[in-house]
Amino acid sequence: MNDLNTPGTVGSDQEGMELAIRAALAGIEEGQSPFGACVVKDGRVLACAHNAVWQKGDPSAHAEVNAIRQACQNLGTIDLSGCVLYATCEPCPMCYSACHWARISRVVFGAGIEDAVKAGFNEMQVGVEQLKEMSGDRIELVSGFMKQECRRVFQAWIEAGKGKPY
């Protein structure tokens, strides 16, 4: 189902976020940027992925986009209505747009854009609340969930010294 050896089901937001954190840490081990995401529907894990921008030479290979792509492939549809996306960091405008177009129902994220900026990333400082208001979509947003744990992913990345921001 996914390439990160994750369990097939989760029973809580905490478990979903823990999988996203594991994905981010796996990416760090591979020299990637410190972002992870998982897509879950009705407790079933559809996909977990990490950022693979450097690995794939693709600036769109963010964790959220990779997880959405995998989830769509696993379900055989581009409609992810009823799905929850867990992300270690607040989705950037591209990733939020992917959630919008895939019809993700709920986005749960930990660290904020400001945390990515502090770690040296070139983030567009347009938050998901502003994007939601502009788009008029119905995505339920849960911000700051397990924020400290997600912030520690940035610290692990800095300490590992294996990757670089972009």
C-alpha atoms as a PDB file:
ATOM      1  CA  MET A   1       0.000   0.000   0.000  1.00  0.00           C
ATOM      2  CA  ASN A   2       2.833   2.394   0.758  1.00  0.00           C
ATOM      3  CA  ASP A   3       6.590   2.255   0.886  1.00  0.00           C
ATOM      4  CA  LEU A   4       7.077   3.181   4.526  1.00  0.00           C
ATOM      5  CA  ASN A   5       5.921  -0.062   6.188  1.00  0.00           C
ATOM      6  CA  THR A   6       3.065   1.642   7.967  1.00  0.00           C
ATOM      7  CA  PRO A   7       0.174  -0.180   9.587  1.00  0.00           C
ATOM      8  CA  GLY A   8      -2.957  -0.568   7.500  1.00  0.00           C
ATOM      9  CA  THR A   9      -5.208   1.292   9.919  1.00  0.00           C
ATOM     10  CA  VAL A  10      -5.145   4.143  12.411  1.00  0.00           C
ATOM     11  CA  GLY A  11      -7.605   4.815  15.183  1.00  0.00           C
ATOM     12  CA  SER A  12      -6.864   8.421  16.036  1.00  0.00           C
ATOM     13  CA  ASP A  13      -5.429  11.689  14.806  1.00  0.00           C
ATOM     14  CA  GLN A  14      -2.401  11.026  16.967  1.00  0.00           C
ATOM     15  CA  GLU A  15      -1.695   7.749  15.177  1.00  0.00           C
ATOM     16  CA  GLY A  16      -2.129   9.426  11.789  1.00  0.00           C
ATOM     17  CA  MET A  17       0.274  12.212  12.699  1.00  0.00           C
ATOM     18  CA  GLU A  18       2.778   9.751  14.128  1.00  0.00           C
ATOM     19  CA  LEU A  19       2.828   8.046  10.717  1.00  0.00           C
ATOM     20  CA  ALA A  20       3.446  11.389   9.004  1.00  0.00           C
ATOM     21  CA  ILE A  21       6.318  12.056  11.410  1.00  0.00           C
ATOM     22  CA  ARG A  22       7.768   8.604  10.685  1.00  0.00           C
ATOM     23  CA  ALA A  23       7.542   9.368   6.981  1.00  0.00           C
ATOM     24  CA  ALA A  24       9.382  12.663   7.462  1.00  0.00           C
ATOM     25  CA  LEU A  25      12.117  10.971   9.495  1.00  0.00           C
ATOM     26  CA  ALA A  26      12.497   8.291   6.802  1.00  0.00           C
ATOM     27  CA  GLY A  27      12.930  11.069   4.253  1.00  0.00           C
ATOM     28  CA  ILE A  28      15.596  12.726   6.378  1.00  0.00           C
ATOM     29  CA  GLU A  29      17.511   9.427   6.422  1.00  0.00           C
ATOM     30  CA  GLU A  30      17.413   9.503   2.613  1.00  0.00           C
ATOM     31  CA  GLY A  31      18.781  13.069   2.523  1.00  0.00           C
ATOM     32  CA  GLN A  32      15.418  14.665   1.809  1.00  0.00           C
ATOM     33  CA  SER A  33      13.768  17.715   3.333  1.00  0.00           C
ATOM     34  CA  PRO A  34      11.933  17.211   6.671  1.00  0.00           C
ATOM     35  CA  PHE A  35       8.304  16.893   5.635  1.00  0.00           C
ATOM     36  CA  GLY A  36       5.940  13.928   5.874  1.00  0.00           C
ATOM     37  CA  ALA A  37       2.281  13.277   5.085  1.00  0.00           C
ATOM     38  CA  CYS A  38      -0.278  10.475   5.251  1.00  0.00           C
ATOM     39  CA  VAL A  39      -3.720  10.090   3.709  1.00  0.00           C
ATOM     40  CA  VAL A  40      -6.286   8.109   5.688  1.00  0.00           C
ATOM     41  CA  LYS A  41      -9.894   7.226   4.908  1.00  0.00           C
ATOM     42  CA  ASP A  42     -12.204   5.681   7.492  1.00  0.00           C
ATOM     43  CA  GLY A  43      -9.166   4.686   9.540  1.00  0.00           C
ATOM     44  CA  ARG A  44      -7.498   2.927   6.597  1.00  0.00           C
ATOM     45  CA  VAL A  45      -4.052   4.220   5.657  1.00  0.00           C
ATOM     46  CA  LEU A  46      -4.059   4.853   1.907  1.00  0.00           C
ATOM     47  CA  ALA A  47      -0.596   6.367   1.588  1.00  0.00           C
ATOM     48  CA  CYS A  48       2.293   7.844   3.522  1.00  0.00           C
ATOM     49  CA  ALA A  49       5.089   9.758   1.862  1.00  0.00           C
ATOM     50  CA  HIS A  50       7.940  12.118   2.525  1.00  0.00           C
ATOM     51  CA  ASN A  51       9.312  15.041   0.598  1.00  0.00           C
ATOM     52  CA  ALA A  52      11.298  13.805  -2.416  1.00  0.00           C
ATOM     53  CA  VAL A  53      12.188  17.065  -4.166  1.00  0.00           C
ATOM     54  CA  TRP A  54      15.928  16.391  -4.236  1.00  0.00           C
ATOM     55  CA  GLN A  55      15.549  12.663  -4.848  1.00  0.00           C
ATOM     56  CA  LYS A  56      13.289  13.133  -7.873  1.00  0.00           C
ATOM     57  CA  GLY A  57      14.647  16.456  -9.083  1.00  0.00           C
ATOM     58  CA  ASP A  58      11.055  17.668  -8.969  1.00  0.00           C
ATOM     59  CA  PRO A  59      10.090  20.821  -7.047  1.00  0.00           C
ATOM     60  CA  SER A  60       6.487  19.561  -6.864  1.00  0.00           C
ATOM     61  CA  ALA A  61       7.460  16.338  -5.044  1.00  0.00           C
ATOM     62  CA  HIS A  62       6.316  17.618  -1.648  1.00  0.00           C
ATOM     63  CA  ALA A  63       5.196  15.068   0.936  1.00  0.00           C
ATOM     64  CA  GLU A  64       1.527  16.047   0.669  1.00  0.00           C
ATOM     65  CA  VAL A  65       1.484  15.844  -3.138  1.00  0.00           C
ATOM     66  CA  ASN A  66       3.298  12.493  -3.070  1.00  0.00           C
ATOM     67  CA  ALA A  67       0.826  11.085  -0.524  1.00  0.00           C
ATOM     68  CA  ILE A  68      -2.162  12.377  -2.510  1.00  0.00           C
ATOM     69  CA  ARG A  69      -0.783  10.845  -5.724  1.00  0.00           C
ATOM     70  CA  GLN A  70      -0.293   7.477  -4.009  1.00  0.00           C
ATOM     71  CA  ALA A  71      -3.732   7.572  -2.385  1.00  0.00           C
ATOM     72  CA  CYS A  72      -5.391   8.337  -5.732  1.00  0.00           C
ATOM     73  CA  GLN A  73      -3.523   5.466  -7.370  1.00  0.00           C
ATOM     74  CA  ASN A  74      -4.449   3.098  -4.543  1.00  0.00           C
ATOM     75  CA  LEU A  75      -8.144   4.014  -4.781  1.00  0.00           C
ATOM     76  CA  GLY A  76      -8.217   4.331  -8.566  1.00  0.00           C
ATOM     77  CA  THR A  77      -9.800   7.781  -8.385  1.00  0.00           C
ATOM     78  CA  ILE A  78      -8.879  11.441  -8.107  1.00  0.00           C
ATOM     79  CA  ASP A  79     -11.714  12.054  -5.636  1.00  0.00           C
ATOM     80  CA  LEU A  80     -10.442  11.735  -2.080  1.00  0.00           C
ATOM     81  CA  SER A  81     -13.667  12.898  -0.432  1.00  0.00           C
ATOM     82  CA  GLY A  82     -13.855  11.607   3.123  1.00  0.00           C
ATOM     83  CA  CYS A  83     -10.073  11.435   3.449  1.00  0.00           C
ATOM     84  CA  VAL A  84      -7.889  13.068   6.075  1.00  0.00           C
ATOM     85  CA  LEU A  85      -4.433  14.354   5.214  1.00  0.00           C
ATOM     86  CA  TYR A  86      -1.952  14.408   8.108  1.00  0.00           C
ATOM     87  CA  ALA A  87       1.030  16.676   7.462  1.00  0.00           C
ATOM     88  CA  THR A  88       3.976  17.460   9.687  1.00  0.00           C
ATOM     89  CA  CYS A  89       3.936  21.074   8.506  1.00  0.00           C
ATOM     90  CA  GLU A  90       1.302  23.510   7.299  1.00  0.00           C
ATOM     91  CA  PRO A  91       0.708  22.818   3.605  1.00  0.00           C
ATOM     92  CA  CYS A  92       2.157  25.336   1.182  1.00  0.00           C
ATOM     93  CA  PRO A  93      -0.160  26.885  -1.432  1.00  0.00           C
ATOM     94  CA  MET A  94       0.671  24.133  -3.947  1.00  0.00           C
ATOM     95  CA  CYS A  95      -0.075  21.358  -1.454  1.00  0.00           C
ATOM     96  CA  TYR A  96      -3.236  23.023  -0.209  1.00  0.00           C
ATOM     97  CA  SER A  97      -4.389  23.364  -3.822  1.00  0.00           C
ATOM     98  CA  ALA A  98      -3.746  19.657  -4.341  1.00  0.00           C
ATOM     99  CA  CYS A  99      -5.942  18.963  -1.279  1.00  0.00           C
ATOM    100  CA  HIS A 100      -8.618  21.220  -2.763  1.00  0.00           C
ATOM    101  CA  TRP A 101      -8.568  19.546  -6.188  1.00  0.00           C
ATOM    102  CA  ALA A 102      -8.510  16.048  -4.654  1.00  0.00           C
ATOM    103  CA  ARG A 103     -11.450  17.010  -2.424  1.00  0.00           C
ATOM    104  CA  ILE A 104      -9.645  16.049   0.786  1.00  0.00           C
ATOM    105  CA  SER A 105     -12.191  16.538   3.583  1.00  0.00           C
ATOM    106  CA  ARG A 106      -9.856  17.317   6.473  1.00  0.00           C
ATOM    107  CA  VAL A 107      -6.263  18.492   6.869  1.00  0.00           C
ATOM    108  CA  VAL A 108      -4.466  18.026  10.185  1.00  0.00           C
ATOM    109  CA  PHE A 109      -1.029  19.627  10.462  1.00  0.00           C
ATOM    110  CA  GLY A 110       1.553  20.256  13.150  1.00  0.00           C
ATOM    111  CA  ALA A 111       4.274  22.821  12.545  1.00  0.00           C
ATOM    112  CA  GLY A 112       3.458  26.119  10.863  1.00  0.00           C
ATOM    113  CA  ILE A 113       4.881  27.892   7.854  1.00  0.00           C
ATOM    114  CA  GLU A 114       6.894  30.070  10.226  1.00  0.00           C
ATOM    115  CA  ASP A 115       8.665  26.947  11.520  1.00  0.00           C
ATOM    116  CA  ALA A 116       9.725  26.001   7.982  1.00  0.00           C
ATOM    117  CA  VAL A 117      10.977  29.552   7.411  1.00  0.00           C
ATOM    118  CA  LYS A 118      13.013  29.384  10.643  1.00  0.00           C
ATOM    119  CA  ALA A 119      14.595  26.151   9.376  1.00  0.00           C
ATOM    120  CA  GLY A 120      15.703  27.987   6.218  1.00  0.00           C
ATOM    121  CA  PHE A 121      13.005  27.057   3.716  1.00  0.00           C
ATOM    122  CA  ASN A 122      11.844  29.529   1.072  1.00  0.00           C
ATOM    123  CA  GLU A 123       8.165  29.353   1.952  1.00  0.00           C
ATOM    124  CA  MET A 124       5.406  31.470   0.484  1.00  0.00           C
ATOM    125  CA  GLN A 125       3.908  32.919   3.622  1.00  0.00           C
ATOM    126  CA  VAL A 126       0.313  32.359   2.624  1.00  0.00           C
ATOM    127  CA  GLY A 127      -1.405  30.254   5.259  1.00  0.00           C
ATOM    128  CA  VAL A 128      -4.035  27.598   4.777  1.00  0.00           C
ATOM    129  CA  GLU A 129      -6.697  29.675   6.543  1.00  0.00           C
ATOM    130  CA  GLN A 130      -6.224  32.429   3.957  1.00  0.00           C
ATOM    131  CA  LEU A 131      -6.263  29.900   1.106  1.00  0.00           C
ATOM    132  CA  LYS A 132      -9.422  28.295   2.455  1.00  0.00           C
ATOM    133  CA  GLU A 133     -11.125  31.687   2.657  1.00  0.00           C
ATOM    134  CA  MET A 134     -10.024  32.599  -0.863  1.00  0.00           C
ATOM    135  CA  SER A 135     -11.133  29.281  -2.371  1.00  0.00           C
ATOM    136  CA  GLY A 136     -14.383  28.914  -0.468  1.00  0.00           C
ATOM    137  CA  ASP A 137     -13.778  25.195  -0.058  1.00  0.00           C
ATOM    138  CA  ARG A 138     -15.036  23.120   2.839  1.00  0.00           C
ATOM    139  CA  ILE A 139     -11.814  21.507   3.992  1.00  0.00           C
ATOM    140  CA  GLU A 140     -11.820  21.180   7.757  1.00  0.00           C
ATOM    141  CA  LEU A 141      -8.502  22.460   9.124  1.00  0.00           C
ATOM    142  CA  VAL A 142      -6.863  21.351  12.358  1.00  0.00           C
ATOM    143  CA  SER A 143      -3.718  23.410  12.943  1.00  0.00           C
ATOM    144  CA  GLY A 144      -0.949  22.976  15.463  1.00  0.00           C
ATOM    145  CA  PHE A 145      -1.752  19.318  16.150  1.00  0.00           C
ATOM    146  CA  MET A 146       1.255  17.708  17.882  1.00  0.00           C
ATOM    147  CA  LYS A 147       3.098  20.908  17.025  1.00  0.00           C
ATOM    148  CA  GLN A 148       6.102  20.321  19.283  1.00  0.00           C
ATOM    149  CA  GLU A 149       6.627  16.801  17.948  1.00  0.00           C
ATOM    150  CA  CYS A 150       6.465  18.121  14.387  1.00  0.00           C
ATOM    151  CA  ARG A 151       8.864  20.964  15.169  1.00  0.00           C
ATOM    152  CA  ARG A 152      11.321  18.352  16.441  1.00  0.00           C
ATOM    153  CA  VAL A 153      11.406  16.904  12.917  1.00  0.00           C
ATOM    154  CA  PHE A 154      13.057  20.133  11.750  1.00  0.00           C
ATOM    155  CA  GLN A 155      15.600  19.811  14.566  1.00  0.00           C
ATOM    156  CA  ALA A 156      16.306  16.183  13.612  1.00  0.00           C
ATOM    157  CA  TRP A 157      16.892  17.304  10.026  1.00  0.00           C
ATOM    158  CA  ILE A 158      19.285  20.062  11.107  1.00  0.00           C
ATOM    159  CA  GLU A 159      21.167  17.653  13.378  1.00  0.00           C
ATOM    160  CA  ALA A 160      21.377  14.984  10.665  1.00  0.00           C
ATOM    161  CA  GLY A 161      22.996  17.481   8.300  1.00  0.00           C
ATOM    162  CA  LYS A 162      21.982  15.303   5.343  1.00  0.00           C
ATOM    163  CA  GLY A 163      19.798  17.667   3.359  1.00  0.00           C
ATOM    164  CA  LYS A 164      19.405  21.237   2.316  1.00  0.00           C
ATOM    165  CA  PRO A 165      16.447  23.607   2.177  1.00  0.00           C
ATOM    166  CA  TYR A 166      15.062  24.960  -1.056  1.00  0.00           C
END
